Protein backbone atom coordinates (compact mmCIF):
# COMPACT_ATOMS: atom_id res chain seq x y z
CA MET A 1 -23.47 -3.87 38.33
CA PRO A 2 -23.06 -0.22 39.42
CA ALA A 3 -24.44 2.44 37.10
CA ASN A 4 -20.96 3.92 36.66
CA ALA A 5 -19.52 0.66 35.34
CA LYS A 6 -22.41 0.30 32.91
CA ALA A 7 -21.88 3.85 31.62
CA ASN A 8 -18.13 3.26 31.22
CA ARG A 9 -18.78 0.04 29.32
CA SER A 10 -21.14 1.72 26.86
CA VAL A 11 -18.61 4.51 26.21
CA THR A 12 -15.94 1.89 25.56
CA GLU A 13 -18.21 0.03 23.16
CA MET A 14 -18.95 3.27 21.31
CA VAL A 15 -15.26 4.06 20.95
CA HIS A 16 -14.47 0.60 19.60
CA SER A 17 -17.33 0.74 17.13
CA LEU A 18 -16.00 3.92 15.48
CA PRO A 19 -14.41 3.39 12.05
CA THR A 20 -10.66 3.13 12.28
CA GLN A 21 -8.43 5.48 10.36
CA ALA A 22 -6.29 4.21 7.53
CA LYS A 23 -2.83 3.12 8.57
CA THR A 24 -0.05 5.57 7.93
CA GLU A 25 3.19 4.92 6.11
CA TRP A 26 5.23 4.84 9.32
CA PRO A 27 5.06 1.09 10.07
CA VAL A 28 6.19 0.27 6.53
CA SER A 29 9.01 2.82 6.57
CA ARG A 30 10.69 1.73 9.80
CA LEU A 31 14.05 0.22 10.48
CA ARG A 32 13.27 -2.88 12.50
CA LYS A 33 16.33 -5.10 12.75
CA HIS A 34 19.47 -4.56 14.75
CA ALA A 35 21.54 -5.50 11.70
CA ASP A 36 19.95 -2.65 9.72
CA TYR A 37 20.87 -0.15 12.43
CA GLN A 38 24.44 -1.49 12.56
CA ARG A 39 24.79 -1.26 8.76
CA VAL A 40 23.73 2.40 8.86
CA TYR A 41 26.16 3.17 11.69
CA LYS A 42 29.06 1.51 9.86
CA ALA A 43 28.28 3.07 6.48
CA SER A 44 28.03 6.68 7.61
CA ARG A 45 29.29 9.37 9.90
CA LYS A 46 27.37 11.12 12.64
CA GLN A 47 25.65 14.26 11.36
CA PHE A 48 24.27 17.00 13.60
CA ALA A 49 21.16 19.16 13.63
CA ASN A 50 20.12 21.58 16.38
CA ARG A 51 18.18 19.13 18.51
CA MET A 52 19.18 15.75 17.15
CA SER A 53 21.97 13.84 15.52
CA TYR A 54 21.49 11.37 12.70
CA PHE A 55 23.14 8.71 10.57
CA PHE A 56 22.08 7.73 7.06
CA ALA A 57 23.14 5.32 4.36
CA LEU A 58 21.88 4.49 0.90
CA ARG A 59 20.08 1.17 0.92
CA PRO A 60 21.25 -1.37 -1.63
CA ALA A 61 18.58 -2.93 -3.81
CA PHE A 62 20.25 -6.33 -3.47
CA GLY A 63 21.13 -8.23 -0.33
CA PRO A 64 24.49 -9.86 0.43
CA ASP A 65 23.43 -13.00 -1.41
CA GLY A 66 22.61 -11.06 -4.59
CA THR A 67 18.83 -11.38 -4.34
CA LEU A 68 16.39 -8.49 -4.09
CA VAL A 69 15.74 -7.28 -0.55
CA ARG A 70 12.31 -8.57 0.47
CA GLY A 71 9.58 -6.51 2.04
CA VAL A 72 11.18 -3.17 1.28
CA SER A 73 10.22 -0.80 -1.49
CA ALA A 74 13.29 -0.09 -3.60
CA LYS A 75 12.54 3.65 -3.59
CA ALA A 76 11.19 4.22 -0.07
CA ALA A 77 13.19 5.61 2.80
CA ARG A 78 13.23 3.83 6.17
CA VAL A 79 13.64 5.68 9.46
CA GLY A 80 14.66 4.39 12.87
CA LEU A 81 14.70 6.13 16.24
CA THR A 82 16.95 5.55 19.21
CA VAL A 83 16.28 7.08 22.61
CA GLY A 84 18.68 5.89 25.28
CA LYS A 85 18.18 5.69 29.03
CA VAL A 86 20.24 8.82 29.47
CA MET A 87 17.21 10.74 28.14
CA GLY A 88 15.24 10.13 31.34
CA ASN A 89 12.79 7.67 32.75
CA ALA A 90 10.55 5.46 30.61
CA VAL A 91 7.73 8.01 30.54
CA ASP A 92 10.05 10.71 29.13
CA ARG A 93 11.66 8.36 26.60
CA ASN A 94 8.29 7.13 25.35
CA ARG A 95 7.00 10.69 25.04
CA ILE A 96 10.09 11.66 23.01
CA LYS A 97 9.55 8.65 20.73
CA ARG A 98 5.85 9.43 20.22
CA ARG A 99 6.60 13.04 19.31
CA MET A 100 9.41 12.01 16.96
CA ARG A 101 7.31 9.32 15.26
CA GLU A 102 4.53 11.79 14.56
CA ALA A 103 6.93 14.42 13.19
CA VAL A 104 8.60 11.77 10.99
CA ARG A 105 5.24 10.47 9.78
CA ARG A 106 4.16 13.95 8.73
CA ARG A 107 7.42 14.75 6.93
CA LEU A 108 8.24 11.34 5.43
CA PRO A 109 7.19 12.38 1.88
CA LEU A 110 10.23 14.72 1.81
CA LEU A 111 12.48 11.64 1.63
CA GLU A 112 12.32 10.11 -1.82
CA ALA A 113 15.72 8.43 -2.03
CA PRO A 114 16.20 4.81 -0.93
CA VAL A 115 18.01 5.62 2.32
CA ASP A 116 18.03 4.21 5.81
CA LEU A 117 18.09 6.94 8.45
CA VAL A 118 18.62 6.70 12.21
CA LEU A 119 17.62 9.67 14.34
CA HIS A 120 19.02 10.35 17.83
CA PRO A 121 16.96 13.14 19.43
CA LYS A 122 18.29 15.20 22.31
CA ARG A 123 16.39 15.57 25.58
CA SER A 124 15.34 19.10 24.56
CA VAL A 125 12.85 17.50 22.12
CA LEU A 126 10.69 16.72 25.14
CA ASP A 127 9.88 20.39 25.83
CA LEU A 128 10.13 21.65 22.27
CA ASP A 129 7.13 23.16 20.50
CA PHE A 130 5.82 20.53 18.05
CA ALA A 131 5.89 22.89 15.04
CA THR A 132 9.58 23.55 15.72
CA LEU A 133 10.23 19.82 16.01
CA GLU A 134 8.52 19.26 12.66
CA ARG A 135 10.68 21.94 11.03
CA GLU A 136 13.79 20.34 12.49
CA VAL A 137 12.83 16.90 11.14
CA ALA A 138 12.02 18.45 7.75
CA ALA A 139 15.44 20.15 7.67
CA VAL A 140 17.16 16.82 8.45
CA PHE A 141 15.14 15.06 5.73
CA ARG A 142 16.02 17.75 3.16
CA ALA A 143 19.73 17.48 4.06
CA VAL A 144 19.62 13.68 3.77
CA GLN A 145 17.73 13.87 0.47
CA LYS A 146 20.28 16.32 -0.95
CA ALA A 147 23.25 14.20 0.17
CA ALA A 148 21.60 11.02 -1.14
CA GLN A 149 21.02 12.61 -4.55
CA LYS A 150 24.76 13.30 -4.77
CA GLN A 151 25.59 9.69 -3.88
CA LEU A 152 23.04 8.04 -6.18
CA PRO A 153 24.49 6.86 -9.49
CA ALA A 154 23.39 8.97 -12.41
CA GLN A 155 20.50 7.46 -14.34
CA PRO A 156 21.40 6.84 -17.99
CA GLU A 157 19.33 8.90 -20.37
CA PRO A 158 17.23 6.99 -22.91
CA ALA A 159 18.79 6.73 -26.34
CA LYS A 160 17.31 9.08 -28.92
CA THR A 161 16.54 7.60 -32.29
């Protein structure tokens, strides 16, 4: 075995033996099914921000059969991303998605309403400074949160005795 291969193997073993970081909220807060995306598209209109467009819809607590929706927190927001082939080759599309996922993960606590949100970034996201991208995502989340608060039914106040 060449010395180089042995050195590479020991570096790999060291990397894999490092403690892993805790998982973030992103995998839990994702739209995963095509039907969920279609429901959001049908229930809302296209909204625009500077470097992305988005759709959002309040998520019902009960499914079509009247039972509670499984596997989804009743108060958590879910976010989905779509990056079409018009955005460039696979390398560019994947880079856009990675940048968007990280910006969403960092700003997800701004969304407190039970909404489903689909983001459509523009190609300019690829060359955009990351701090600017984060501000853009935060602005979208604040707008969605504000609109969702208007649509949510008012909570009845507890009776005073």
